[in-house]
C-alpha cells in the first residue's frame, strides 16, 4: 500500500506482510520537479535526451493503470496489467 499526503508532501507505505505504514523517503538524486511541457521543450532546444524516456513513461502509465484497476477491483494487480482502461474512469468491454 502507498499513501501520498499532499498536505505534508510525504509518502508512507507497507508491503503485504507488514501491519504498519512506514515513511518512504525519496533521495534527492531521484526526486524531480514534474513539468513535462517545459521538459519536452527544453529537451528539443538543448538537444538533450528526454526524461522520462518512452520506456520509463510506459512503465509509469502501466503502474497508473494497475493502481486504478486495483482501486476498482479491490485486488492486487500484477505489472504490467492487462489493458482495461480506455481513459481515466472508463473501462474497455
Protein backbone atom coordinates (compact mmCIF):
# COMPACT_ATOMS: atom_id res chain seq x y z
CA UNK A 1 0.00 0.00 0.00
CA UNK A 2 1.20 3.52 -0.77
CA UNK A 3 -0.26 6.69 0.68
CA UNK A 4 0.75 10.14 -0.51
CA UNK A 5 -0.27 13.02 1.74
CA UNK A 6 -0.45 16.12 -0.42
CA UNK A 7 -0.69 18.42 2.62
CA UNK A 8 2.65 17.26 4.03
CA UNK A 9 4.23 16.09 0.75
CA UNK A 10 5.02 12.76 2.41
CA UNK A 11 4.77 9.13 1.33
CA UNK A 12 4.06 6.17 3.60
CA UNK A 13 3.79 2.55 2.61
CA UNK A 14 3.62 -1.07 3.65
CA UNK A 15 4.07 -4.43 1.97
CA UNK A 16 1.53 -7.24 2.33
CA UNK A 17 3.45 -8.79 5.23
CA UNK A 18 3.55 -5.52 7.23
CA UNK A 19 0.89 -4.28 9.62
CA UNK A 20 2.12 -0.67 9.98
CA UNK A 21 2.79 2.04 7.43
CA UNK A 22 6.37 3.32 7.29
CA UNK A 23 7.63 6.62 5.88
CA UNK A 24 9.27 6.34 2.47
CA UNK A 25 11.97 8.90 1.75
CA UNK A 26 12.84 9.80 -1.84
CA UNK A 27 16.57 10.53 -2.21
CA UNK A 28 17.33 13.97 -3.67
CA UNK A 29 19.03 12.41 -6.71
CA UNK A 30 15.79 10.52 -7.53
CA UNK A 31 13.40 13.42 -6.95
CA UNK A 32 12.44 15.74 -9.80
CA UNK A 33 10.03 18.57 -10.41
CA UNK A 34 7.44 17.30 -12.87
CA UNK A 35 6.68 19.79 -15.64
CA UNK A 36 6.52 17.67 -18.80
CA UNK A 37 5.75 20.56 -21.15
CA UNK A 38 8.81 22.52 -20.01
CA UNK A 39 10.96 19.38 -20.03
CA UNK A 40 9.86 18.50 -23.58
CA UNK A 41 10.60 22.00 -24.93
CA UNK A 42 13.91 22.13 -23.06
CA UNK A 43 14.88 18.74 -24.50
CA UNK A 44 14.26 19.99 -28.04
CA UNK A 45 16.05 23.31 -27.50
CA UNK A 46 19.14 21.75 -25.93
CA UNK A 47 19.04 18.53 -27.96
CA UNK A 48 19.33 16.50 -24.77
CA UNK A 49 17.55 13.23 -24.04
CA UNK A 50 14.08 13.46 -22.55
CA UNK A 51 13.48 12.18 -19.05
CA UNK A 52 11.45 10.15 -18.55
CA UNK A 53 12.08 8.47 -21.86
CA UNK A 54 9.43 6.43 -23.67
CA UNK A 55 10.16 3.18 -21.80
CA UNK A 56 10.03 4.92 -18.41
CA UNK A 57 6.81 6.69 -19.42
CA UNK A 58 5.27 3.38 -20.46
CA UNK A 59 6.15 1.79 -17.11
CA UNK A 60 4.63 4.79 -15.32
CA UNK A 61 1.38 4.51 -17.28
CA UNK A 62 1.24 0.75 -16.64
CA UNK A 63 1.67 1.45 -12.93
CA UNK A 64 -1.11 4.09 -13.01
CA UNK A 65 -3.47 1.69 -14.77
CA UNK A 66 -2.68 -1.07 -12.27
CA UNK A 67 -3.42 1.33 -9.39
CA UNK A 68 -6.76 2.31 -10.95
CA UNK A 69 -7.69 -1.33 -11.58
CA UNK A 70 -6.70 -2.24 -8.04
CA UNK A 71 -8.86 0.52 -6.58
CA UNK A 72 -11.90 -0.56 -8.59
CA UNK A 73 -11.46 -4.32 -8.14
CA UNK A 74 -10.14 -4.10 -4.56
CA UNK A 75 -7.50 -6.68 -5.55
CA UNK A 76 -3.77 -6.55 -6.19
CA UNK A 77 -2.86 -6.24 -9.88
CA UNK A 78 0.34 -7.61 -11.39
CA UNK A 79 2.55 -5.41 -13.54
CA UNK A 80 2.21 -4.88 -16.38
CA UNK A 81 -1.59 -5.01 -16.13
CA UNK A 82 -3.87 -6.24 -18.87
CA UNK A 83 -5.19 -3.08 -20.56
CA UNK A 84 -8.75 -2.45 -19.42
CA UNK A 85 -8.99 1.33 -19.42
CA UNK A 86 -9.99 3.48 -22.37
CA UNK A 87 -9.45 6.61 -20.29
CA UNK A 88 -9.50 7.59 -16.62
CA UNK A 89 -12.65 6.10 -15.22
CA UNK A 90 -13.70 4.44 -18.47
CA UNK A 91 -13.21 0.72 -18.93
CA UNK A 92 -12.98 -1.25 -22.17
CA UNK A 93 -15.55 -4.00 -22.61
